[in-house]
Amino acid sequence: MSHNLDLAQNHAWDLARTLMVPVILFQSEDAFGVMVASEYDGDEDSIVHEYDPWSPAH
């Protein structure tokens, strides 16, 4: 978990490109987390952004 949104966004995009799967950047209280989109079963309102490595723009 990270408390820095910019850092979390960079790590999320890097993880998506490394694994070549969509990942979810989510907020939990005052921290941000990243996980594979297919495994995320949390609150939809907690999602900050989904990073898809196959999308032409992130």
PDB file of N, CA and C in Angstrom:
ATOM      1  N   MET A   1       0.849  -1.166   0.000  1.00  0.00           N
ATOM      2  CA  MET A   1       0.000   0.000   0.000  1.00  0.00           C
ATOM      3  C   MET A   1       0.900   1.237   0.000  1.00  0.00           C
ATOM      4  N   SER A   2       0.422   2.249  -0.652  1.00  0.00           N
ATOM      5  CA  SER A   2       1.157   3.502  -0.766  1.00  0.00           C
ATOM      6  C   SER A   2       0.243   4.651  -0.360  1.00  0.00           C
ATOM      7  N   HIS A   3       0.817   5.671   0.210  1.00  0.00           N
ATOM      8  CA  HIS A   3       0.064   6.874   0.561  1.00  0.00           C
ATOM      9  C   HIS A   3       0.242   7.955  -0.498  1.00  0.00           C
ATOM     10  N   ASN A   4       1.063   7.680  -1.501  1.00  0.00           N
ATOM     11  CA  ASN A   4       1.373   8.639  -2.556  1.00  0.00           C
ATOM     12  C   ASN A   4       0.672   8.192  -3.838  1.00  0.00           C
ATOM     13  N   LEU A   5      -0.299   8.972  -4.321  1.00  0.00           N
ATOM     14  CA  LEU A   5      -1.078   8.602  -5.502  1.00  0.00           C
ATOM     15  C   LEU A   5      -0.206   8.515  -6.748  1.00  0.00           C
ATOM     16  N   ASP A   6       0.694   9.455  -6.953  1.00  0.00           N
ATOM     17  CA  ASP A   6       1.558   9.419  -8.140  1.00  0.00           C
ATOM     18  C   ASP A   6       2.408   8.156  -8.173  1.00  0.00           C
ATOM     19  N   LEU A   7       2.966   7.799  -7.052  1.00  0.00           N
ATOM     20  CA  LEU A   7       3.781   6.587  -6.961  1.00  0.00           C
ATOM     21  C   LEU A   7       2.933   5.349  -7.221  1.00  0.00           C
ATOM     22  N   ALA A   8       1.741   5.300  -6.644  1.00  0.00           N
ATOM     23  CA  ALA A   8       0.846   4.162  -6.845  1.00  0.00           C
ATOM     24  C   ALA A   8       0.433   4.040  -8.313  1.00  0.00           C
ATOM     25  N   GLN A   9       0.169   5.171  -8.983  1.00  0.00           N
ATOM     26  CA  GLN A   9      -0.202   5.138 -10.394  1.00  0.00           C
ATOM     27  C   GLN A   9       0.944   4.604 -11.251  1.00  0.00           C
ATOM     28  N   ASN A  10       2.152   5.044 -10.975  1.00  0.00           N
ATOM     29  CA  ASN A  10       3.312   4.562 -11.727  1.00  0.00           C
ATOM     30  C   ASN A  10       3.527   3.071 -11.523  1.00  0.00           C
ATOM     31  N   HIS A  11       3.396   2.618 -10.301  1.00  0.00           N
ATOM     32  CA  HIS A  11       3.569   1.189 -10.024  1.00  0.00           C
ATOM     33  C   HIS A  11       2.453   0.360 -10.662  1.00  0.00           C
ATOM     34  N   ALA A  12       1.251   0.888 -10.661  1.00  0.00           N
ATOM     35  CA  ALA A  12       0.125   0.168 -11.267  1.00  0.00           C
ATOM     36  C   ALA A  12       0.364  -0.022 -12.760  1.00  0.00           C
ATOM     37  N   TRP A  13       0.757   1.028 -13.450  1.00  0.00           N
ATOM     38  CA  TRP A  13       1.016   0.932 -14.891  1.00  0.00           C
ATOM     39  C   TRP A  13       2.185  -0.013 -15.171  1.00  0.00           C
ATOM     40  N   ASP A  14       3.255   0.077 -14.372  1.00  0.00           N
ATOM     41  CA  ASP A  14       4.395  -0.824 -14.549  1.00  0.00           C
ATOM     42  C   ASP A  14       3.993  -2.279 -14.325  1.00  0.00           C
ATOM     43  N   LEU A  15       3.173  -2.523 -13.317  1.00  0.00           N
ATOM     44  CA  LEU A  15       2.726  -3.887 -13.040  1.00  0.00           C
ATOM     45  C   LEU A  15       1.866  -4.421 -14.175  1.00  0.00           C
ATOM     46  N   ALA A  16       0.970  -3.608 -14.685  1.00  0.00           N
ATOM     47  CA  ALA A  16       0.119  -4.037 -15.805  1.00  0.00           C
ATOM     48  C   ALA A  16       0.975  -4.393 -17.012  1.00  0.00           C
ATOM     49  N   ARG A  17       1.976  -3.582 -17.311  1.00  0.00           N
ATOM     50  CA  ARG A  17       2.849  -3.835 -18.467  1.00  0.00           C
ATOM     51  C   ARG A  17       3.759  -5.040 -18.243  1.00  0.00           C
ATOM     52  N   THR A  18       4.170  -5.272 -17.015  1.00  0.00           N
ATOM     53  CA  THR A  18       5.024  -6.421 -16.711  1.00  0.00           C
ATOM     54  C   THR A  18       4.242  -7.719 -16.805  1.00  0.00           C
ATOM     55  N   LEU A  19       3.066  -7.748 -16.181  1.00  0.00           N
ATOM     56  CA  LEU A  19       2.244  -8.958 -16.178  1.00  0.00           C
ATOM     57  C   LEU A  19       1.416  -9.116 -17.452  1.00  0.00           C
ATOM     58  N   MET A  20       1.216  -8.010 -18.177  1.00  0.00           N
ATOM     59  CA  MET A  20       0.391  -7.972 -19.383  1.00  0.00           C
ATOM     60  C   MET A  20      -1.045  -8.412 -19.093  1.00  0.00           C
ATOM     61  N   VAL A  21      -1.559  -7.927 -17.959  1.00  0.00           N
ATOM     62  CA  VAL A  21      -2.956  -8.129 -17.562  1.00  0.00           C
ATOM     63  C   VAL A  21      -3.469  -6.814 -16.991  1.00  0.00           C
ATOM     64  N   PRO A  22      -4.775  -6.568 -17.074  1.00  0.00           N
ATOM     65  CA  PRO A  22      -5.327  -5.354 -16.459  1.00  0.00           C
ATOM     66  C   PRO A  22      -5.169  -5.404 -14.934  1.00  0.00           C
ATOM     67  N   VAL A  23      -4.840  -4.271 -14.352  1.00  0.00           N
ATOM     68  CA  VAL A  23      -4.748  -4.148 -12.899  1.00  0.00           C
ATOM     69  C   VAL A  23      -5.623  -2.994 -12.432  1.00  0.00           C
ATOM     70  N   ILE A  24      -6.035  -3.069 -11.193  1.00  0.00           N
ATOM     71  CA  ILE A  24      -6.887  -2.068 -10.569  1.00  0.00           C
ATOM     72  C   ILE A  24      -6.077  -1.291  -9.537  1.00  0.00           C
ATOM     73  N   LEU A  25      -6.177   0.024  -9.600  1.00  0.00           N
ATOM     74  CA  LEU A  25      -5.640   0.890  -8.550  1.00  0.00           C
ATOM     75  C   LEU A  25      -6.831   1.277  -7.689  1.00  0.00           C
ATOM     76  N   PHE A  26      -6.776   0.959  -6.408  1.00  0.00           N
ATOM     77  CA  PHE A  26      -7.899   1.236  -5.526  1.00  0.00           C
ATOM     78  C   PHE A  26      -7.430   1.983  -4.286  1.00  0.00           C
ATOM     79  N   GLN A  27      -8.382   2.651  -3.639  1.00  0.00           N
ATOM     80  CA  GLN A  27      -8.087   3.384  -2.410  1.00  0.00           C
ATOM     81  C   GLN A  27      -8.790   2.701  -1.252  1.00  0.00           C
ATOM     82  N   SER A  28      -8.027   2.484  -0.189  1.00  0.00           N
ATOM     83  CA  SER A  28      -8.558   1.907   1.034  1.00  0.00           C
ATOM     84  C   SER A  28      -8.186   2.840   2.178  1.00  0.00           C
ATOM     85  N   GLU A  29      -9.178   3.525   2.704  1.00  0.00           N
ATOM     86  CA  GLU A  29      -8.973   4.562   3.719  1.00  0.00           C
ATOM     87  C   GLU A  29      -8.034   5.622   3.182  1.00  0.00           C
ATOM     88  N   ASP A  30      -6.815   5.733   3.708  1.00  0.00           N
ATOM     89  CA  ASP A  30      -5.898   6.787   3.258  1.00  0.00           C
ATOM     90  C   ASP A  30      -4.717   6.246   2.454  1.00  0.00           C
ATOM     91  N   ALA A  31      -4.818   5.003   1.980  1.00  0.00           N
ATOM     92  CA  ALA A  31      -3.737   4.390   1.217  1.00  0.00           C
ATOM     93  C   ALA A  31      -4.254   3.852  -0.113  1.00  0.00           C
ATOM     94  N   PHE A  32      -3.330   3.622  -1.047  1.00  0.00           N
ATOM     95  CA  PHE A  32      -3.674   3.099  -2.357  1.00  0.00           C
ATOM     96  C   PHE A  32      -3.047   1.720  -2.527  1.00  0.00           C
ATOM     97  N   GLY A  33      -3.762   0.839  -3.214  1.00  0.00           N
ATOM     98  CA  GLY A  33      -3.264  -0.497  -3.487  1.00  0.00           C
ATOM     99  C   GLY A  33      -3.489  -0.857  -4.942  1.00  0.00           C
ATOM    100  N   VAL A  34      -2.780  -1.879  -5.391  1.00  0.00           N
ATOM    101  CA  VAL A  34      -2.871  -2.335  -6.773  1.00  0.00           C
ATOM    102  C   VAL A  34      -3.014  -3.851  -6.761  1.00  0.00           C
ATOM    103  N   MET A  35      -3.911  -4.348  -7.606  1.00  0.00           N
ATOM    104  CA  MET A  35      -4.026  -5.797  -7.758  1.00  0.00           C
ATOM    105  C   MET A  35      -4.579  -6.138  -9.129  1.00  0.00           C
ATOM    106  N   VAL A  36      -4.415  -7.380  -9.512  1.00  0.00           N
ATOM    107  CA  VAL A  36      -4.913  -7.854 -10.796  1.00  0.00           C
ATOM    108  C   VAL A  36      -6.428  -7.670 -10.829  1.00  0.00           C
ATOM    109  N   ALA A  37      -6.929  -7.114 -11.914  1.00  0.00           N
ATOM    110  CA  ALA A  37      -8.349  -6.768 -12.018  1.00  0.00           C
ATOM    111  C   ALA A  37      -9.261  -7.979 -11.844  1.00  0.00           C
ATOM    112  N   SER A  38      -8.855  -9.126 -12.362  1.00  0.00           N
ATOM    113  CA  SER A  38      -9.700 -10.324 -12.279  1.00  0.00           C
ATOM    114  C   SER A  38      -9.843 -10.841 -10.849  1.00  0.00           C
ATOM    115  N   GLU A  39      -8.959 -10.421  -9.956  1.00  0.00           N
ATOM    116  CA  GLU A  39      -9.013 -10.876  -8.565  1.00  0.00           C
ATOM    117  C   GLU A  39      -9.643  -9.850  -7.624  1.00  0.00           C
ATOM    118  N   TYR A  40      -9.942  -8.664  -8.128  1.00  0.00           N
ATOM    119  CA  TYR A  40     -10.501  -7.610  -7.282  1.00  0.00           C
ATOM    120  C   TYR A  40     -11.981  -7.875  -7.038  1.00  0.00           C
ATOM    121  N   ASP A  41     -12.345  -7.978  -5.774  1.00  0.00           N
ATOM    122  CA  ASP A  41     -13.755  -8.177  -5.424  1.00  0.00           C
ATOM    123  C   ASP A  41     -14.210  -7.154  -4.385  1.00  0.00           C
ATOM    124  N   GLY A  42     -13.520  -6.025  -4.366  1.00  0.00           N
ATOM    125  CA  GLY A  42     -13.854  -4.963  -3.425  1.00  0.00           C
ATOM    126  C   GLY A  42     -14.941  -4.053  -3.950  1.00  0.00           C
ATOM    127  N   ASP A  43     -15.133  -2.975  -3.241  1.00  0.00           N
ATOM    128  CA  ASP A  43     -16.152  -1.982  -3.559  1.00  0.00           C
ATOM    129  C   ASP A  43     -15.800  -1.249  -4.853  1.00  0.00           C
ATOM    130  N   GLU A  44     -16.731  -1.183  -5.769  1.00  0.00           N
ATOM    131  CA  GLU A  44     -16.508  -0.498  -7.050  1.00  0.00           C
ATOM    132  C   GLU A  44     -16.186   0.987  -6.843  1.00  0.00           C
ATOM    133  N   ASP A  45     -16.717   1.592  -5.790  1.00  0.00           N
ATOM    134  CA  ASP A  45     -16.459   3.006  -5.515  1.00  0.00           C
ATOM    135  C   ASP A  45     -15.023   3.266  -5.050  1.00  0.00           C
ATOM    136  N   SER A  46     -14.308   2.211  -4.651  1.00  0.00           N
ATOM    137  CA  SER A  46     -12.928   2.352  -4.197  1.00  0.00           C
ATOM    138  C   SER A  46     -11.932   2.370  -5.351  1.00  0.00           C
ATOM    139  N   ILE A  47     -12.375   2.004  -6.550  1.00  0.00           N
ATOM    140  CA  ILE A  47     -11.479   1.945  -7.704  1.00  0.00           C
ATOM    141  C   ILE A  47     -11.136   3.361  -8.157  1.00  0.00           C
ATOM    142  N   VAL A  48      -9.840   3.627  -8.263  1.00  0.00           N
ATOM    143  CA  VAL A  48      -9.354   4.909  -8.747  1.00  0.00           C
ATOM    144  C   VAL A  48      -9.189   4.843 -10.267  1.00  0.00           C
ATOM    145  N   HIS A  49      -8.609   3.741 -10.750  1.00  0.00           N
ATOM    146  CA  HIS A  49      -8.385   3.586 -12.190  1.00  0.00           C
ATOM    147  C   HIS A  49      -8.057   2.133 -12.504  1.00  0.00           C
ATOM    148  N   GLU A  50      -8.412   1.697 -13.716  1.00  0.00           N
ATOM    149  CA  GLU A  50      -8.007   0.378 -14.207  1.00  0.00           C
ATOM    150  C   GLU A  50      -6.983   0.591 -15.303  1.00  0.00           C
ATOM    151  N   TYR A  51      -5.848  -0.070 -15.181  1.00  0.00           N
ATOM    152  CA  TYR A  51      -4.784   0.035 -16.175  1.00  0.00           C
ATOM    153  C   TYR A  51      -4.777  -1.235 -17.018  1.00  0.00           C
ATOM    154  N   ASP A  52      -4.981  -1.069 -18.314  1.00  0.00           N
ATOM    155  CA  ASP A  52      -5.024  -2.175 -19.261  1.00  0.00           C
ATOM    156  C   ASP A  52      -3.812  -2.069 -20.178  1.00  0.00           C
ATOM    157  N   PRO A  53      -2.892  -3.035 -20.126  1.00  0.00           N
ATOM    158  CA  PRO A  53      -1.685  -2.938 -20.956  1.00  0.00           C
ATOM    159  C   PRO A  53      -1.975  -3.048 -22.455  1.00  0.00           C
ATOM    160  N   TRP A  54      -3.144  -3.527 -22.819  1.00  0.00           N
ATOM    161  CA  TRP A  54      -3.503  -3.698 -24.223  1.00  0.00           C
ATOM    162  C   TRP A  54      -4.200  -2.461 -24.777  1.00  0.00           C
ATOM    163  N   SER A  55      -4.506  -1.502 -23.918  1.00  0.00           N
ATOM    164  CA  SER A  55      -5.161  -0.271 -24.346  1.00  0.00           C
ATOM    165  C   SER A  55      -4.111   0.653 -24.983  1.00  0.00           C
ATOM    166  N   PRO A  56      -4.477   1.375 -26.042  1.00  0.00           N
ATOM    167  CA  PRO A  56      -3.503   2.252 -26.694  1.00  0.00           C
ATOM    168  C   PRO A  56      -3.018   3.402 -25.806  1.00  0.00           C
ATOM    169  N   ALA A  57      -3.816   3.822 -24.840  1.00  0.00           N
ATOM    170  CA  ALA A  57      -3.404   4.911 -23.933  1.00  0.00           C
ATOM    171  C   ALA A  57      -3.763   4.520 -22.516  1.00  0.00           C
ATOM    172  N   HIS A  58      -2.942   4.876 -21.572  1.00  0.00           N
ATOM    173  CA  HIS A  58      -3.252   4.570 -20.174  1.00  0.00           C
ATOM    174  C   HIS A  58      -3.665   5.829 -19.508  1.00  0.00           C
TER     175      HIS A  58
END
